[in-house]
Amino acid sequence: MKVVIQRVKSASVTVDEELISSIGRGLLVLAGVGKEDTEKETENIVNKVLKAKFWPDENGSQWKRNVQDIEGEILCVSQFTLYGKMKKGNKPDFHDAADAQTARRLYDHFYNRMRTSYVPERVKNGVFQAMMDVELKNDGPVGVDYRSEDAAVTIEINTNLPKKESQEPQAKAKESKESKEPEGSGETKKTFEFNLPAELLQ
């Protein structure tokens, strides 16, 4: 699952010129479901969104409080285009996105889990598969130093990133092919190769 989170002063969703949902200070969460996703991925995302520290504390220390700490609101909006790719040509490819039925089921689980994990009245929703007009006012201007509390915040979370192979150095001894001494020596010569940790070579 992929989400793009924006810290906002306000946000709203309108469909056919009708206001569907609106929030004040809090988070706008654009959420896309991948074809390999399960309920576990949606629940992991919910936990990350609720615990993400995007606001300063009362002393001005940055990145100390999450949306629960400030009693903020959350607006969730389904967004399958987060899985769009443009590897070839000029048209986006959405093959990594889940089919509509699966996406609806998992998105609904994501939204409902967000409500039950927080305060239901503070979690709002868009309309699945609708042509939505989403408006927002960023909590902070774009381009400000990231260390400033005035900086705009836009974060992407992706539960499907490939896992990196372990980088821990391991000393492995590999016996090379035996290379024999000239005939008549009666001895066999062996060589060994070791991979040493980088820090030992400095």
C-alpha atoms as a PDB file:
ATOM      1  CA  MET A   1       0.000   0.000   0.000  1.00  0.00           C
ATOM      2  CA  LYS A   2       1.139   3.546  -0.714  1.00  0.00           C
ATOM      3  CA  VAL A   3       0.068   6.757   0.958  1.00  0.00           C
ATOM      4  CA  VAL A   4       1.050  10.375   0.498  1.00  0.00           C
ATOM      5  CA  ILE A   5       0.536  12.380   3.682  1.00  0.00           C
ATOM      6  CA  GLN A   6       0.282  16.165   3.757  1.00  0.00           C
ATOM      7  CA  ARG A   7       0.202  18.268   6.892  1.00  0.00           C
ATOM      8  CA  VAL A   8      -2.623  20.742   6.376  1.00  0.00           C
ATOM      9  CA  LYS A   9      -4.368  23.686   7.975  1.00  0.00           C
ATOM     10  CA  SER A  10      -7.538  22.576   6.196  1.00  0.00           C
ATOM     11  CA  ALA A  11      -8.675  20.208   3.440  1.00  0.00           C
ATOM     12  CA  SER A  12     -11.913  19.231   1.754  1.00  0.00           C
ATOM     13  CA  VAL A  13     -13.425  16.883  -0.836  1.00  0.00           C
ATOM     14  CA  THR A  14     -16.144  17.958  -3.257  1.00  0.00           C
ATOM     15  CA  VAL A  15     -18.041  15.745  -5.732  1.00  0.00           C
ATOM     16  CA  ASP A  16     -20.298  17.312  -8.374  1.00  0.00           C
ATOM     17  CA  GLU A  17     -20.008  20.654  -6.556  1.00  0.00           C
ATOM     18  CA  GLU A  18     -21.299  19.066  -3.343  1.00  0.00           C
ATOM     19  CA  LEU A  19     -19.077  19.247  -0.271  1.00  0.00           C
ATOM     20  CA  ILE A  20     -18.534  15.674   0.933  1.00  0.00           C
ATOM     21  CA  SER A  21     -15.993  16.075   3.737  1.00  0.00           C
ATOM     22  CA  SER A  22     -13.805  18.756   5.267  1.00  0.00           C
ATOM     23  CA  ILE A  23     -11.258  18.971   8.070  1.00  0.00           C
ATOM     24  CA  GLY A  24      -9.333  21.627   9.890  1.00  0.00           C
ATOM     25  CA  ARG A  25      -5.780  21.226  11.150  1.00  0.00           C
ATOM     26  CA  GLY A  26      -4.446  17.734  10.619  1.00  0.00           C
ATOM     27  CA  LEU A  27      -3.514  15.356   7.804  1.00  0.00           C
ATOM     28  CA  LEU A  28      -4.688  14.744   4.260  1.00  0.00           C
ATOM     29  CA  VAL A  29      -3.950  11.102   3.413  1.00  0.00           C
ATOM     30  CA  LEU A  30      -4.029   9.976  -0.230  1.00  0.00           C
ATOM     31  CA  ALA A  31      -4.116   6.169  -0.194  1.00  0.00           C
ATOM     32  CA  GLY A  32      -3.523   3.653  -2.980  1.00  0.00           C
ATOM     33  CA  VAL A  33      -3.891  -0.135  -2.807  1.00  0.00           C
ATOM     34  CA  GLY A  34      -1.458  -2.429  -4.625  1.00  0.00           C
ATOM     35  CA  LYS A  35      -2.374  -5.765  -6.161  1.00  0.00           C
ATOM     36  CA  GLU A  36      -0.231  -7.670  -3.622  1.00  0.00           C
ATOM     37  CA  ASP A  37      -1.653  -5.883  -0.573  1.00  0.00           C
ATOM     38  CA  THR A  38      -3.478  -7.523   2.339  1.00  0.00           C
ATOM     39  CA  GLU A  39      -5.222  -6.195   5.433  1.00  0.00           C
ATOM     40  CA  LYS A  40      -1.876  -6.346   7.243  1.00  0.00           C
ATOM     41  CA  GLU A  41      -0.401  -3.659   4.963  1.00  0.00           C
ATOM     42  CA  THR A  42      -3.371  -1.366   5.512  1.00  0.00           C
ATOM     43  CA  GLU A  43      -3.094  -1.763   9.282  1.00  0.00           C
ATOM     44  CA  ASN A  44       0.642  -1.027   9.196  1.00  0.00           C
ATOM     45  CA  ILE A  45      -0.062   2.184   7.302  1.00  0.00           C
ATOM     46  CA  VAL A  46      -2.706   3.256   9.820  1.00  0.00           C
ATOM     47  CA  ASN A  47      -0.215   2.821  12.668  1.00  0.00           C
ATOM     48  CA  LYS A  48       2.430   4.829  10.836  1.00  0.00           C
ATOM     49  CA  VAL A  49       0.056   7.679   9.996  1.00  0.00           C
ATOM     50  CA  LEU A  50      -1.205   8.005  13.560  1.00  0.00           C
ATOM     51  CA  LYS A  51       2.282   7.874  15.085  1.00  0.00           C
ATOM     52  CA  ALA A  52       4.106  10.066  12.548  1.00  0.00           C
ATOM     53  CA  LYS A  53       5.516  13.128  14.321  1.00  0.00           C
ATOM     54  CA  PHE A  54       4.905  16.109  12.043  1.00  0.00           C
ATOM     55  CA  TRP A  55       4.442  18.938  14.568  1.00  0.00           C
ATOM     56  CA  PRO A  56       6.680  20.703  17.097  1.00  0.00           C
ATOM     57  CA  ASP A  57       6.077  20.443  20.835  1.00  0.00           C
ATOM     58  CA  GLU A  58       5.109  23.312  23.147  1.00  0.00           C
ATOM     59  CA  ASN A  59       8.792  24.270  23.481  1.00  0.00           C
ATOM     60  CA  GLY A  60       9.301  24.580  19.725  1.00  0.00           C
ATOM     61  CA  SER A  61      11.307  21.383  19.318  1.00  0.00           C
ATOM     62  CA  GLN A  62      10.613  20.061  15.834  1.00  0.00           C
ATOM     63  CA  TRP A  63       9.041  16.736  14.833  1.00  0.00           C
ATOM     64  CA  LYS A  64       7.816  15.870  18.323  1.00  0.00           C
ATOM     65  CA  ARG A  65       4.013  15.515  18.133  1.00  0.00           C
ATOM     66  CA  ASN A  66       1.699  13.392  16.018  1.00  0.00           C
ATOM     67  CA  VAL A  67      -1.867  14.057  14.865  1.00  0.00           C
ATOM     68  CA  GLN A  68      -3.248  12.461  18.023  1.00  0.00           C
ATOM     69  CA  ASP A  69      -1.118  14.695  20.234  1.00  0.00           C
ATOM     70  CA  ILE A  70      -2.511  17.866  18.628  1.00  0.00           C
ATOM     71  CA  GLU A  71      -6.055  16.435  18.489  1.00  0.00           C
ATOM     72  CA  GLY A  72      -6.038  17.012  14.734  1.00  0.00           C
ATOM     73  CA  GLU A  73      -8.283  15.626  12.022  1.00  0.00           C
ATOM     74  CA  ILE A  74      -7.597  13.203   9.162  1.00  0.00           C
ATOM     75  CA  LEU A  75      -9.101  13.234   5.673  1.00  0.00           C
ATOM     76  CA  CYS A  76      -8.626   9.944   3.783  1.00  0.00           C
ATOM     77  CA  VAL A  77      -8.914   9.917  -0.010  1.00  0.00           C
ATOM     78  CA  SER A  78      -8.582   6.840  -2.240  1.00  0.00           C
ATOM     79  CA  GLN A  79      -6.002   7.387  -4.975  1.00  0.00           C
ATOM     80  CA  PHE A  80      -5.096   4.434  -7.215  1.00  0.00           C
ATOM     81  CA  THR A  81      -2.895   6.662  -9.411  1.00  0.00           C
ATOM     82  CA  LEU A  82      -0.185   6.471  -6.730  1.00  0.00           C
ATOM     83  CA  TYR A  83       0.710   3.174  -8.412  1.00  0.00           C
ATOM     84  CA  GLY A  84       1.154   4.760 -11.822  1.00  0.00           C
ATOM     85  CA  LYS A  85       4.485   4.197 -13.571  1.00  0.00           C
ATOM     86  CA  MET A  86       5.944   5.738 -16.707  1.00  0.00           C
ATOM     87  CA  LYS A  87       8.776   3.407 -17.643  1.00  0.00           C
ATOM     88  CA  LYS A  88       7.896   3.348 -21.330  1.00  0.00           C
ATOM     89  CA  GLY A  89       6.169   5.885 -23.536  1.00  0.00           C
ATOM     90  CA  ASN A  90       4.147   8.817 -22.282  1.00  0.00           C
ATOM     91  CA  LYS A  91       1.163   7.023 -20.785  1.00  0.00           C
ATOM     92  CA  PRO A  92       1.065   5.939 -17.129  1.00  0.00           C
ATOM     93  CA  ASP A  93       0.888   2.224 -16.414  1.00  0.00           C
ATOM     94  CA  PHE A  94      -1.350   1.187 -13.516  1.00  0.00           C
ATOM     95  CA  HIS A  95      -0.775  -2.580 -13.580  1.00  0.00           C
ATOM     96  CA  ASP A  96       0.591  -2.560 -10.026  1.00  0.00           C
ATOM     97  CA  ALA A  97      -2.676  -1.175  -8.641  1.00  0.00           C
ATOM     98  CA  ALA A  98      -5.241  -3.604  -7.207  1.00  0.00           C
ATOM     99  CA  ASP A  99      -8.436  -4.345  -9.109  1.00  0.00           C
ATOM    100  CA  ALA A 100     -11.449  -2.218  -8.143  1.00  0.00           C
ATOM    101  CA  GLN A 101     -13.114  -4.843  -5.952  1.00  0.00           C
ATOM    102  CA  THR A 102      -9.963  -5.634  -3.971  1.00  0.00           C
ATOM    103  CA  ALA A 103      -9.013  -1.972  -3.707  1.00  0.00           C
ATOM    104  CA  ARG A 104     -12.446  -1.007  -2.351  1.00  0.00           C
ATOM    105  CA  ARG A 105     -12.372  -3.776   0.259  1.00  0.00           C
ATOM    106  CA  LEU A 106      -8.877  -2.947   1.494  1.00  0.00           C
ATOM    107  CA  TYR A 107      -9.377   0.812   1.332  1.00  0.00           C
ATOM    108  CA  ASP A 108     -12.563   0.486   3.399  1.00  0.00           C
ATOM    109  CA  HIS A 109     -10.635  -1.645   5.899  1.00  0.00           C
ATOM    110  CA  PHE A 110      -7.922   1.039   6.013  1.00  0.00           C
ATOM    111  CA  TYR A 111     -10.468   3.817   6.598  1.00  0.00           C
ATOM    112  CA  ASN A 112     -12.443   1.917   9.228  1.00  0.00           C
ATOM    113  CA  ARG A 113      -9.249   0.895  11.032  1.00  0.00           C
ATOM    114  CA  MET A 114      -8.167   4.553  11.070  1.00  0.00           C
ATOM    115  CA  ARG A 115     -11.467   5.530  12.692  1.00  0.00           C
ATOM    116  CA  THR A 116     -11.420   2.804  15.344  1.00  0.00           C
ATOM    117  CA  SER A 117      -7.736   3.455  16.131  1.00  0.00           C
ATOM    118  CA  TYR A 118      -8.313   7.171  16.656  1.00  0.00           C
ATOM    119  CA  VAL A 119     -11.435   9.270  17.312  1.00  0.00           C
ATOM    120  CA  PRO A 120     -14.079   8.334  14.716  1.00  0.00           C
ATOM    121  CA  GLU A 121     -15.488  11.860  14.492  1.00  0.00           C
ATOM    122  CA  ARG A 122     -12.049  13.224  13.559  1.00  0.00           C
ATOM    123  CA  VAL A 123     -11.536  10.899  10.592  1.00  0.00           C
ATOM    124  CA  LYS A 124     -13.295  11.866   7.345  1.00  0.00           C
ATOM    125  CA  ASN A 125     -13.542  10.166   3.957  1.00  0.00           C
ATOM    126  CA  GLY A 126     -13.800  10.903   0.266  1.00  0.00           C
ATOM    127  CA  VAL A 127     -15.861   8.866  -2.227  1.00  0.00           C
ATOM    128  CA  PHE A 128     -14.338   5.731  -3.712  1.00  0.00           C
ATOM    129  CA  GLN A 129     -14.037   5.790  -7.539  1.00  0.00           C
ATOM    130  CA  ALA A 130     -15.622   9.238  -7.790  1.00  0.00           C
ATOM    131  CA  MET A 131     -14.308  12.292  -9.629  1.00  0.00           C
ATOM    132  CA  MET A 132     -13.302  14.261  -6.565  1.00  0.00           C
ATOM    133  CA  ASP A 133     -12.119  17.823  -6.244  1.00  0.00           C
ATOM    134  CA  VAL A 134      -9.641  17.876  -3.375  1.00  0.00           C
ATOM    135  CA  GLU A 135      -8.655  21.223  -1.914  1.00  0.00           C
ATOM    136  CA  LEU A 136      -6.085  21.808   0.787  1.00  0.00           C
ATOM    137  CA  LYS A 137      -4.154  24.518   2.532  1.00  0.00           C
ATOM    138  CA  ASN A 138      -0.658  23.332   3.393  1.00  0.00           C
ATOM    139  CA  ASP A 139       0.473  23.828   6.966  1.00  0.00           C
ATOM    140  CA  GLY A 140       3.566  25.812   6.030  1.00  0.00           C
ATOM    141  CA  PRO A 141       4.895  27.328   2.782  1.00  0.00           C
ATOM    142  CA  VAL A 142       6.811  25.195   0.305  1.00  0.00           C
ATOM    143  CA  GLY A 143      10.554  25.767   0.168  1.00  0.00           C
ATOM    144  CA  VAL A 144      11.128  26.640   3.815  1.00  0.00           C
ATOM    145  CA  ASP A 145      14.012  24.939   5.653  1.00  0.00           C
ATOM    146  CA  TYR A 146      12.807  21.476   6.754  1.00  0.00           C
ATOM    147  CA  ARG A 147      13.976  22.204  10.294  1.00  0.00           C
ATOM    148  CA  SER A 148      11.489  25.043  10.604  1.00  0.00           C
ATOM    149  CA  GLU A 149       8.023  24.484  12.026  1.00  0.00           C
ATOM    150  CA  ASP A 150       6.763  26.561   9.067  1.00  0.00           C
ATOM    151  CA  ALA A 151       7.925  24.032   6.489  1.00  0.00           C
ATOM    152  CA  ALA A 152       5.291  22.311   4.364  1.00  0.00           C
ATOM    153  CA  VAL A 153       5.244  18.576   4.998  1.00  0.00           C
ATOM    154  CA  THR A 154       4.557  15.961   2.311  1.00  0.00           C
ATOM    155  CA  ILE A 155       5.617  12.394   3.081  1.00  0.00           C
ATOM    156  CA  GLU A 156       5.207   9.142   1.132  1.00  0.00           C
ATOM    157  CA  ILE A 157       4.957   5.766   2.842  1.00  0.00           C
ATOM    158  CA  ASN A 158       5.172   2.554   0.839  1.00  0.00           C
ATOM    159  CA  THR A 159       4.755  -0.852   2.481  1.00  0.00           C
ATOM    160  CA  ASN A 160       5.869  -2.701  -0.656  1.00  0.00           C
ATOM    161  CA  LEU A 161       9.462  -1.512  -0.966  1.00  0.00           C
ATOM    162  CA  PRO A 162      11.863  -4.375  -1.722  1.00  0.00           C
ATOM    163  CA  LYS A 163      13.784  -5.596   1.289  1.00  0.00           C
ATOM    164  CA  LYS A 164      17.494  -4.946   1.171  1.00  0.00           C
ATOM    165  CA  GLU A 165      19.790  -7.883   1.578  1.00  0.00           C
ATOM    166  CA  SER A 166      21.753  -7.944   4.799  1.00  0.00           C
ATOM    167  CA  GLN A 167      24.840  -5.774   4.556  1.00  0.00           C
ATOM    168  CA  GLU A 168      26.526  -7.245   7.635  1.00  0.00           C
ATOM    169  CA  PRO A 169      30.050  -8.290   6.773  1.00  0.00           C
ATOM    170  CA  GLN A 170      30.678 -11.987   6.996  1.00  0.00           C
ATOM    171  CA  ALA A 171      34.097 -13.574   6.849  1.00  0.00           C
ATOM    172  CA  LYS A 172      33.824 -16.395   4.386  1.00  0.00           C
ATOM    173  CA  ALA A 173      36.674 -18.696   3.519  1.00  0.00           C
ATOM    174  CA  LYS A 174      36.597 -20.054   0.013  1.00  0.00           C
ATOM    175  CA  GLU A 175      38.917 -22.777  -1.002  1.00  0.00           C
ATOM    176  CA  SER A 176      40.128 -22.211  -4.529  1.00  0.00           C
ATOM    177  CA  LYS A 177      40.751 -24.930  -7.005  1.00  0.00           C
ATOM    178  CA  GLU A 178      43.782 -26.846  -6.066  1.00  0.00           C
ATOM    179  CA  SER A 179      46.845 -25.889  -7.951  1.00  0.00           C
ATOM    180  CA  LYS A 180      49.444 -28.607  -7.894  1.00  0.00           C
ATOM    181  CA  GLU A 181      53.178 -28.185  -7.806  1.00  0.00           C
ATOM    182  CA  PRO A 182      55.162 -29.558 -10.718  1.00  0.00           C
ATOM    183  CA  GLU A 183      55.108 -33.302 -10.944  1.00  0.00           C
ATOM    184  CA  GLY A 184      57.403 -35.015  -8.568  1.00  0.00           C
ATOM    185  CA  SER A 185      57.114 -32.481  -5.759  1.00  0.00           C
ATOM    186  CA  GLY A 186      54.658 -34.684  -3.892  1.00  0.00           C
ATOM    187  CA  GLU A 187      52.919 -31.570  -2.476  1.00  0.00           C
ATOM    188  CA  THR A 188      49.596 -29.939  -3.175  1.00  0.00           C
ATOM    189  CA  LYS A 189      49.372 -26.151  -2.937  1.00  0.00           C
ATOM    190  CA  LYS A 190      46.101 -24.575  -1.706  1.00  0.00           C
ATOM    191  CA  THR A 191      45.116 -20.915  -1.651  1.00  0.00           C
ATOM    192  CA  PHE A 192      42.329 -19.310   0.391  1.00  0.00           C
ATOM    193  CA  GLU A 193      40.323 -16.129  -0.135  1.00  0.00           C
ATOM    194  CA  PHE A 194      38.756 -14.136   2.720  1.00  0.00           C
ATOM    195  CA  ASN A 195      36.204 -11.290   2.631  1.00  0.00           C
ATOM    196  CA  LEU A 196      37.116  -8.955   5.504  1.00  0.00           C
ATOM    197  CA  PRO A 197      34.931  -6.206   7.035  1.00  0.00           C
ATOM    198  CA  ALA A 198      35.564  -2.827   5.438  1.00  0.00           C
ATOM    199  CA  GLU A 199      36.485  -1.230   8.770  1.00  0.00           C
ATOM    200  CA  LEU A 200      39.467  -3.566   9.119  1.00  0.00           C
ATOM    201  CA  LEU A 201      40.878  -2.322   5.839  1.00  0.00           C
ATOM    202  CA  GLN A 202      40.912   1.347   6.815  1.00  0.00           C
END
